[in-house]
Amino acid sequence: MSKGLQIAEPPRRRQSGAGEASTERNKSVEFTKFDNVAEDEKVQFNKRVTRRVADGYEILAIRTRRKVPDLLAEALSLLEEKHGKV
């Protein structure tokens, strides 16, 4: 028979009295309303690319001190100039 994995025991659960004290503390804190407004309508862009392409965009973003979405937008405009708009 195998002995199984030799790992440490999980941490012990906190006592219920400790949890009540932290909730009382959280009730006294006031939160401000989230007021961040997006400039434009934005969507998430998930496409698979090679690691080389992803690293290239990250390095270019670091070197030019720009964000990757800005670089993608510029790449699209350059491609539209070359091949025409879609």
PDB file of N, CA and C in Angstrom:
ATOM      1  N   MET A   1       0.834  -1.189   0.000  1.00  0.00           N
ATOM      2  CA  MET A   1       0.000   0.000   0.000  1.00  0.00           C
ATOM      3  C   MET A   1       0.873   1.244   0.000  1.00  0.00           C
ATOM      4  N   SER A   2       0.376   2.273  -0.672  1.00  0.00           N
ATOM      5  CA  SER A   2       1.134   3.520  -0.697  1.00  0.00           C
ATOM      6  C   SER A   2       0.822   4.353   0.537  1.00  0.00           C
ATOM      7  N   LYS A   3       1.756   5.146   0.908  1.00  0.00           N
ATOM      8  CA  LYS A   3       1.597   5.994   2.088  1.00  0.00           C
ATOM      9  C   LYS A   3       0.883   7.289   1.776  1.00  0.00           C
ATOM     10  N   GLY A   4       0.743   7.628   0.499  1.00  0.00           N
ATOM     11  CA  GLY A   4       0.097   8.885   0.145  1.00  0.00           C
ATOM     12  C   GLY A   4       1.090  10.023   0.102  1.00  0.00           C
ATOM     13  N   LEU A   5       0.593  11.198  -0.122  1.00  0.00           N
ATOM     14  CA  LEU A   5       1.454  12.377  -0.210  1.00  0.00           C
ATOM     15  C   LEU A   5       1.921  12.801   1.171  1.00  0.00           C
ATOM     16  N   GLN A   6       3.141  13.203   1.255  1.00  0.00           N
ATOM     17  CA  GLN A   6       3.698  13.690   2.512  1.00  0.00           C
ATOM     18  C   GLN A   6       3.627  15.215   2.499  1.00  0.00           C
ATOM     19  N   ILE A   7       2.455  15.763   2.810  1.00  0.00           N
ATOM     20  CA  ILE A   7       2.274  17.210   2.796  1.00  0.00           C
ATOM     21  C   ILE A   7       1.844  17.688   4.171  1.00  0.00           C
ATOM     22  N   ALA A   8       1.948  18.963   4.373  1.00  0.00           N
ATOM     23  CA  ALA A   8       1.588  19.559   5.657  1.00  0.00           C
ATOM     24  C   ALA A   8       0.071  19.587   5.812  1.00  0.00           C
ATOM     25  N   GLU A   9      -0.357  19.612   7.043  1.00  0.00           N
ATOM     26  CA  GLU A   9      -1.787  19.699   7.329  1.00  0.00           C
ATOM     27  C   GLU A   9      -2.307  21.087   6.957  1.00  0.00           C
ATOM     28  N   PRO A  10      -3.580  21.197   6.554  1.00  0.00           N
ATOM     29  CA  PRO A  10      -4.129  22.510   6.254  1.00  0.00           C
ATOM     30  C   PRO A  10      -4.224  23.353   7.521  1.00  0.00           C
ATOM     31  N   PRO A  11      -4.228  24.667   7.393  1.00  0.00           N
ATOM     32  CA  PRO A  11      -4.324  25.523   8.582  1.00  0.00           C
ATOM     33  C   PRO A  11      -5.654  25.308   9.291  1.00  0.00           C
ATOM     34  N   ARG A  12      -5.644  25.503  10.585  1.00  0.00           N
ATOM     35  CA  ARG A  12      -6.868  25.310  11.357  1.00  0.00           C
ATOM     36  C   ARG A  12      -7.849  26.433  11.110  1.00  0.00           C
ATOM     37  N   ARG A  13      -9.103  26.114  11.201  1.00  0.00           N
ATOM     38  CA  ARG A  13     -10.147  27.126  10.993  1.00  0.00           C
ATOM     39  C   ARG A  13     -10.187  28.083  12.169  1.00  0.00           C
ATOM     40  N   ARG A  14     -10.542  29.315  11.865  1.00  0.00           N
ATOM     41  CA  ARG A  14     -10.653  30.315  12.922  1.00  0.00           C
ATOM     42  C   ARG A  14     -11.899  30.063  13.743  1.00  0.00           C
ATOM     43  N   GLN A  15     -11.852  30.509  14.982  1.00  0.00           N
ATOM     44  CA  GLN A  15     -13.011  30.384  15.850  1.00  0.00           C
ATOM     45  C   GLN A  15     -14.097  31.343  15.395  1.00  0.00           C
ATOM     46  N   SER A  16     -15.359  31.005  15.609  1.00  0.00           N
ATOM     47  CA  SER A  16     -16.465  31.849  15.159  1.00  0.00           C
ATOM     48  C   SER A  16     -16.460  33.212  15.846  1.00  0.00           C
ATOM     49  N   GLY A  17     -15.947  33.326  17.054  1.00  0.00           N
ATOM     50  CA  GLY A  17     -15.889  34.598  17.765  1.00  0.00           C
ATOM     51  C   GLY A  17     -14.952  35.586  17.095  1.00  0.00           C
ATOM     52  N   ALA A  18     -13.894  35.097  16.482  1.00  0.00           N
ATOM     53  CA  ALA A  18     -12.943  35.974  15.805  1.00  0.00           C
ATOM     54  C   ALA A  18     -13.566  36.577  14.559  1.00  0.00           C
ATOM     55  N   GLY A  19     -14.411  35.832  13.867  1.00  0.00           N
ATOM     56  CA  GLY A  19     -15.061  36.331  12.664  1.00  0.00           C
ATOM     57  C   GLY A  19     -16.061  37.426  12.975  1.00  0.00           C
ATOM     58  N   GLU A  20     -16.726  37.349  14.127  1.00  0.00           N
ATOM     59  CA  GLU A  20     -17.705  38.373  14.502  1.00  0.00           C
ATOM     60  C   GLU A  20     -17.029  39.708  14.777  1.00  0.00           C
ATOM     61  N   ALA A  21     -15.862  39.681  15.355  1.00  0.00           N
ATOM     62  CA  ALA A  21     -15.155  40.928  15.659  1.00  0.00           C
ATOM     63  C   ALA A  21     -14.747  41.633  14.368  1.00  0.00           C
ATOM     64  N   SER A  22     -14.338  40.869  13.353  1.00  0.00           N
ATOM     65  CA  SER A  22     -13.910  41.507  12.114  1.00  0.00           C
ATOM     66  C   SER A  22     -15.100  42.078  11.349  1.00  0.00           C
ATOM     67  N   THR A  23     -16.288  41.476  11.438  1.00  0.00           N
ATOM     68  CA  THR A  23     -17.449  42.021  10.733  1.00  0.00           C
ATOM     69  C   THR A  23     -17.907  43.318  11.378  1.00  0.00           C
ATOM     70  N   GLU A  24     -17.780  43.443  12.681  1.00  0.00           N
ATOM     71  CA  GLU A  24     -18.150  44.690  13.354  1.00  0.00           C
ATOM     72  C   GLU A  24     -17.215  45.820  12.906  1.00  0.00           C
ATOM     73  N   ARG A  25     -15.971  45.512  12.737  1.00  0.00           N
ATOM     74  CA  ARG A  25     -15.006  46.503  12.296  1.00  0.00           C
ATOM     75  C   ARG A  25     -15.314  46.943  10.863  1.00  0.00           C
ATOM     76  N   ASN A  26     -15.719  46.028   9.994  1.00  0.00           N
ATOM     77  CA  ASN A  26     -16.016  46.354   8.607  1.00  0.00           C
ATOM     78  C   ASN A  26     -17.272  47.204   8.470  1.00  0.00           C
ATOM     79  N   LYS A  27     -18.215  47.058   9.381  1.00  0.00           N
ATOM     80  CA  LYS A  27     -19.455  47.825   9.303  1.00  0.00           C
ATOM     81  C   LYS A  27     -19.211  49.313   9.540  1.00  0.00           C
ATOM     82  N   SER A  28     -18.212  49.648  10.321  1.00  0.00           N
ATOM     83  CA  SER A  28     -17.968  51.052  10.631  1.00  0.00           C
ATOM     84  C   SER A  28     -17.242  51.786   9.494  1.00  0.00           C
ATOM     85  N   VAL A  29     -16.658  51.062   8.550  1.00  0.00           N
ATOM     86  CA  VAL A  29     -15.934  51.681   7.447  1.00  0.00           C
ATOM     87  C   VAL A  29     -16.925  52.084   6.365  1.00  0.00           C
ATOM     88  N   GLU A  30     -16.826  53.339   5.890  1.00  0.00           N
ATOM     89  CA  GLU A  30     -17.697  53.802   4.819  1.00  0.00           C
ATOM     90  C   GLU A  30     -16.988  53.656   3.487  1.00  0.00           C
ATOM     91  N   PHE A  31     -17.728  53.190   2.490  1.00  0.00           N
ATOM     92  CA  PHE A  31     -17.160  52.999   1.168  1.00  0.00           C
ATOM     93  C   PHE A  31     -17.692  54.067   0.237  1.00  0.00           C
ATOM     94  N   THR A  32     -16.832  54.545  -0.641  1.00  0.00           N
ATOM     95  CA  THR A  32     -17.273  55.518  -1.630  1.00  0.00           C
ATOM     96  C   THR A  32     -17.852  54.775  -2.820  1.00  0.00           C
ATOM     97  N   LYS A  33     -18.758  55.401  -3.497  1.00  0.00           N
ATOM     98  CA  LYS A  33     -19.404  54.793  -4.650  1.00  0.00           C
ATOM     99  C   LYS A  33     -18.429  54.757  -5.822  1.00  0.00           C
ATOM    100  N   PHE A  34     -18.448  53.682  -6.567  1.00  0.00           N
ATOM    101  CA  PHE A  34     -17.566  53.515  -7.715  1.00  0.00           C
ATOM    102  C   PHE A  34     -18.010  54.461  -8.808  1.00  0.00           C
ATOM    103  N   ASP A  35     -17.132  55.375  -9.200  1.00  0.00           N
ATOM    104  CA  ASP A  35     -17.523  56.384 -10.183  1.00  0.00           C
ATOM    105  C   ASP A  35     -16.600  56.400 -11.403  1.00  0.00           C
ATOM    106  N   ASN A  36     -15.928  55.287 -11.673  1.00  0.00           N
ATOM    107  CA  ASN A  36     -15.044  55.214 -12.827  1.00  0.00           C
ATOM    108  C   ASN A  36     -15.888  55.039 -14.090  1.00  0.00           C
ATOM    109  N   VAL A  37     -15.750  55.964 -15.031  1.00  0.00           N
ATOM    110  CA  VAL A  37     -16.536  55.933 -16.256  1.00  0.00           C
ATOM    111  C   VAL A  37     -15.598  55.649 -17.421  1.00  0.00           C
ATOM    112  N   ALA A  38     -15.960  54.702 -18.253  1.00  0.00           N
ATOM    113  CA  ALA A  38     -15.128  54.360 -19.406  1.00  0.00           C
ATOM    114  C   ALA A  38     -15.225  55.458 -20.452  1.00  0.00           C
ATOM    115  N   GLU A  39     -14.100  55.736 -21.123  1.00  0.00           N
ATOM    116  CA  GLU A  39     -14.085  56.766 -22.152  1.00  0.00           C
ATOM    117  C   GLU A  39     -14.885  56.320 -23.370  1.00  0.00           C
ATOM    118  N   ASP A  40     -14.652  55.112 -23.819  1.00  0.00           N
ATOM    119  CA  ASP A  40     -15.339  54.554 -24.977  1.00  0.00           C
ATOM    120  C   ASP A  40     -15.937  53.217 -24.583  1.00  0.00           C
ATOM    121  N   GLU A  41     -16.788  52.715 -25.457  1.00  0.00           N
ATOM    122  CA  GLU A  41     -17.308  51.377 -25.218  1.00  0.00           C
ATOM    123  C   GLU A  41     -16.169  50.401 -25.441  1.00  0.00           C
ATOM    124  N   LYS A  42     -15.897  49.562 -24.468  1.00  0.00           N
ATOM    125  CA  LYS A  42     -14.778  48.645 -24.563  1.00  0.00           C
ATOM    126  C   LYS A  42     -15.276  47.211 -24.425  1.00  0.00           C
ATOM    127  N   VAL A  43     -14.576  46.309 -25.083  1.00  0.00           N
ATOM    128  CA  VAL A  43     -14.856  44.883 -24.978  1.00  0.00           C
ATOM    129  C   VAL A  43     -13.548  44.167 -24.714  1.00  0.00           C
ATOM    130  N   GLN A  44     -13.654  42.949 -24.225  1.00  0.00           N
ATOM    131  CA  GLN A  44     -12.462  42.150 -23.985  1.00  0.00           C
ATOM    132  C   GLN A  44     -12.093  41.421 -25.268  1.00  0.00           C
ATOM    133  N   PHE A  45     -10.809  41.394 -25.579  1.00  0.00           N
ATOM    134  CA  PHE A  45     -10.304  40.837 -26.826  1.00  0.00           C
ATOM    135  C   PHE A  45      -9.441  39.627 -26.488  1.00  0.00           C
ATOM    136  N   ASN A  46      -9.995  38.443 -26.661  1.00  0.00           N
ATOM    137  CA  ASN A  46      -9.262  37.215 -26.342  1.00  0.00           C
ATOM    138  C   ASN A  46      -8.986  36.440 -27.616  1.00  0.00           C
ATOM    139  N   LYS A  47      -7.749  36.433 -28.035  1.00  0.00           N
ATOM    140  CA  LYS A  47      -7.316  35.653 -29.193  1.00  0.00           C
ATOM    141  C   LYS A  47      -6.010  34.968 -28.842  1.00  0.00           C
ATOM    142  N   ARG A  48      -5.843  33.767 -29.344  1.00  0.00           N
ATOM    143  CA  ARG A  48      -4.610  33.031 -29.083  1.00  0.00           C
ATOM    144  C   ARG A  48      -3.552  33.413 -30.113  1.00  0.00           C
ATOM    145  N   VAL A  49      -2.386  33.764 -29.614  1.00  0.00           N
ATOM    146  CA  VAL A  49      -1.239  34.071 -30.461  1.00  0.00           C
ATOM    147  C   VAL A  49      -0.046  33.301 -29.893  1.00  0.00           C
ATOM    148  N   THR A  50       1.010  33.231 -30.681  1.00  0.00           N
ATOM    149  CA  THR A  50       2.199  32.539 -30.190  1.00  0.00           C
ATOM    150  C   THR A  50       2.828  33.342 -29.059  1.00  0.00           C
ATOM    151  N   ARG A  51       3.621  32.669 -28.270  1.00  0.00           N
ATOM    152  CA  ARG A  51       4.308  33.332 -27.153  1.00  0.00           C
ATOM    153  C   ARG A  51       5.213  34.436 -27.693  1.00  0.00           C
ATOM    154  N   ARG A  52       5.834  34.209 -28.857  1.00  0.00           N
ATOM    155  CA  ARG A  52       6.732  35.193 -29.455  1.00  0.00           C
ATOM    156  C   ARG A  52       5.982  36.489 -29.774  1.00  0.00           C
ATOM    157  N   VAL A  53       4.787  36.381 -30.327  1.00  0.00           N
ATOM    158  CA  VAL A  53       3.997  37.565 -30.671  1.00  0.00           C
ATOM    159  C   VAL A  53       3.579  38.305 -29.407  1.00  0.00           C
ATOM    160  N   ALA A  54       3.111  37.557 -28.407  1.00  0.00           N
ATOM    161  CA  ALA A  54       2.676  38.185 -27.154  1.00  0.00           C
ATOM    162  C   ALA A  54       3.845  38.888 -26.468  1.00  0.00           C
ATOM    163  N   ASP A  55       5.001  38.231 -26.436  1.00  0.00           N
ATOM    164  CA  ASP A  55       6.179  38.850 -25.820  1.00  0.00           C
ATOM    165  C   ASP A  55       6.618  40.081 -26.604  1.00  0.00           C
ATOM    166  N   GLY A  56       6.501  40.006 -27.931  1.00  0.00           N
ATOM    167  CA  GLY A  56       6.868  41.159 -28.750  1.00  0.00           C
ATOM    168  C   GLY A  56       6.023  42.374 -28.432  1.00  0.00           C
ATOM    169  N   TYR A  57       4.709  42.163 -28.276  1.00  0.00           N
ATOM    170  CA  TYR A  57       3.825  43.278 -27.925  1.00  0.00           C
ATOM    171  C   TYR A  57       4.149  43.819 -26.534  1.00  0.00           C
ATOM    172  N   GLU A  58       4.418  42.928 -25.592  1.00  0.00           N
ATOM    173  CA  GLU A  58       4.741  43.383 -24.233  1.00  0.00           C
ATOM    174  C   GLU A  58       6.037  44.196 -24.214  1.00  0.00           C
ATOM    175  N   ILE A  59       7.050  43.716 -24.920  1.00  0.00           N
ATOM    176  CA  ILE A  59       8.329  44.430 -24.950  1.00  0.00           C
ATOM    177  C   ILE A  59       8.170  45.774 -25.647  1.00  0.00           C
ATOM    178  N   LEU A  60       7.427  45.786 -26.760  1.00  0.00           N
ATOM    179  CA  LEU A  60       7.195  47.048 -27.465  1.00  0.00           C
ATOM    180  C   LEU A  60       6.426  48.037 -26.587  1.00  0.00           C
ATOM    181  N   ALA A  61       5.469  47.535 -25.822  1.00  0.00           N
ATOM    182  CA  ALA A  61       4.708  48.402 -24.921  1.00  0.00           C
ATOM    183  C   ALA A  61       5.610  48.997 -23.847  1.00  0.00           C
ATOM    184  N   ILE A  62       6.517  48.195 -23.340  1.00  0.00           N
ATOM    185  CA  ILE A  62       7.442  48.691 -22.313  1.00  0.00           C
ATOM    186  C   ILE A  62       8.387  49.730 -22.904  1.00  0.00           C
ATOM    187  N   ARG A  63       8.940  49.426 -24.077  1.00  0.00           N
ATOM    188  CA  ARG A  63       9.899  50.352 -24.696  1.00  0.00           C
ATOM    189  C   ARG A  63       9.264  51.686 -25.061  1.00  0.00           C
ATOM    190  N   THR A  64       8.039  51.648 -25.558  1.00  0.00           N
ATOM    191  CA  THR A  64       7.383  52.888 -25.996  1.00  0.00           C
ATOM    192  C   THR A  64       6.545  53.524 -24.891  1.00  0.00           C
ATOM    193  N   ARG A  65       6.488  52.866 -23.746  1.00  0.00           N
ATOM    194  CA  ARG A  65       5.687  53.343 -22.610  1.00  0.00           C
ATOM    195  C   ARG A  65       4.224  53.552 -22.991  1.00  0.00           C
ATOM    196  N   ARG A  66       3.696  52.591 -23.708  1.00  0.00           N
ATOM    197  CA  ARG A  66       2.294  52.613 -24.118  1.00  0.00           C
ATOM    198  C   ARG A  66       1.641  51.331 -23.651  1.00  0.00           C
ATOM    199  N   LYS A  67       0.336  51.274 -23.755  1.00  0.00           N
ATOM    200  CA  LYS A  67      -0.401  50.084 -23.367  1.00  0.00           C
ATOM    201  C   LYS A  67      -0.605  49.197 -24.589  1.00  0.00           C
ATOM    202  N   VAL A  68      -0.694  47.886 -24.339  1.00  0.00           N
ATOM    203  CA  VAL A  68      -0.864  46.932 -25.429  1.00  0.00           C
ATOM    204  C   VAL A  68      -2.136  47.218 -26.235  1.00  0.00           C
ATOM    205  N   PRO A  69      -3.280  47.557 -25.629  1.00  0.00           N
ATOM    206  CA  PRO A  69      -4.453  47.869 -26.445  1.00  0.00           C
ATOM    207  C   PRO A  69      -4.226  49.041 -27.403  1.00  0.00           C
ATOM    208  N   ASP A  70      -3.427  50.025 -26.970  1.00  0.00           N
ATOM    209  CA  ASP A  70      -3.105  51.145 -27.860  1.00  0.00           C
ATOM    210  C   ASP A  70      -2.259  50.678 -29.042  1.00  0.00           C
ATOM    211  N   LEU A  71      -1.339  49.756 -28.779  1.00  0.00           N
ATOM    212  CA  LEU A  71      -0.519  49.211 -29.863  1.00  0.00           C
ATOM    213  C   LEU A  71      -1.367  48.403 -30.834  1.00  0.00           C
ATOM    214  N   LEU A  72      -2.337  47.654 -30.320  1.00  0.00           N
ATOM    215  CA  LEU A  72      -3.230  46.881 -31.194  1.00  0.00           C
ATOM    216  C   LEU A  72      -4.071  47.812 -32.063  1.00  0.00           C
ATOM    217  N   ALA A  73      -4.535  48.903 -31.497  1.00  0.00           N
ATOM    218  CA  ALA A  73      -5.327  49.861 -32.269  1.00  0.00           C
ATOM    219  C   ALA A  73      -4.480  50.479 -33.379  1.00  0.00           C
ATOM    220  N   GLU A  74      -3.226  50.791 -33.070  1.00  0.00           N
ATOM    221  CA  GLU A  74      -2.341  51.352 -34.084  1.00  0.00           C
ATOM    222  C   GLU A  74      -2.037  50.323 -35.172  1.00  0.00           C
ATOM    223  N   ALA A  75      -1.855  49.069 -34.776  1.00  0.00           N
ATOM    224  CA  ALA A  75      -1.612  48.012 -35.753  1.00  0.00           C
ATOM    225  C   ALA A  75      -2.807  47.858 -36.686  1.00  0.00           C
ATOM    226  N   LEU A  76      -3.999  47.973 -36.160  1.00  0.00           N
ATOM    227  CA  LEU A  76      -5.200  47.871 -36.992  1.00  0.00           C
ATOM    228  C   LEU A  76      -5.252  49.019 -37.993  1.00  0.00           C
ATOM    229  N   SER A  77      -4.943  50.222 -37.546  1.00  0.00           N
ATOM    230  CA  SER A  77      -4.991  51.363 -38.466  1.00  0.00           C
ATOM    231  C   SER A  77      -3.947  51.210 -39.577  1.00  0.00           C
ATOM    232  N   LEU A  78      -2.767  50.682 -39.241  1.00  0.00           N
ATOM    233  CA  LEU A  78      -1.735  50.458 -40.261  1.00  0.00           C
ATOM    234  C   LEU A  78      -2.161  49.390 -41.265  1.00  0.00           C
ATOM    235  N   LEU A  79      -2.805  48.344 -40.764  1.00  0.00           N
ATOM    236  CA  LEU A  79      -3.296  47.294 -41.656  1.00  0.00           C
ATOM    237  C   LEU A  79      -4.428  47.795 -42.544  1.00  0.00           C
ATOM    238  N   GLU A  80      -5.261  48.669 -42.000  1.00  0.00           N
ATOM    239  CA  GLU A  80      -6.351  49.235 -42.815  1.00  0.00           C
ATOM    240  C   GLU A  80      -5.801  50.128 -43.910  1.00  0.00           C
ATOM    241  N   GLU A  81      -4.709  50.862 -43.634  1.00  0.00           N
ATOM    242  CA  GLU A  81      -4.085  51.680 -44.673  1.00  0.00           C
ATOM    243  C   GLU A  81      -3.515  50.805 -45.787  1.00  0.00           C
ATOM    244  N   LYS A  82      -2.964  49.673 -45.396  1.00  0.00           N
ATOM    245  CA  LYS A  82      -2.319  48.804 -46.374  1.00  0.00           C
ATOM    246  C   LYS A  82      -3.328  47.977 -47.182  1.00  0.00           C
ATOM    247  N   HIS A  83      -4.347  47.426 -46.496  1.00  0.00           N
ATOM    248  CA  HIS A  83      -5.270  46.493 -47.145  1.00  0.00           C
ATOM    249  C   HIS A  83      -6.685  47.040 -47.321  1.00  0.00           C
ATOM    250  N   GLY A  84      -6.968  48.193 -46.805  1.00  0.00           N
ATOM    251  CA  GLY A  84      -8.313  48.751 -46.884  1.00  0.00           C
ATOM    252  C   GLY A  84      -9.117  48.404 -45.647  1.00  0.00           C
ATOM    253  N   LYS A  85     -10.136  49.222 -45.393  1.00  0.00           N
ATOM    254  CA  LYS A  85     -10.970  49.011 -44.201  1.00  0.00           C
ATOM    255  C   LYS A  85     -11.900  47.833 -44.400  1.00  0.00           C
ATOM    256  N   VAL A  86     -12.231  47.218 -43.295  1.00  0.00           N
ATOM    257  CA  VAL A  86     -13.135  46.053 -43.325  1.00  0.00           C
ATOM    258  C   VAL A  86     -14.572  46.508 -43.218  1.00  0.00           C
TER     259      VAL A  86
END
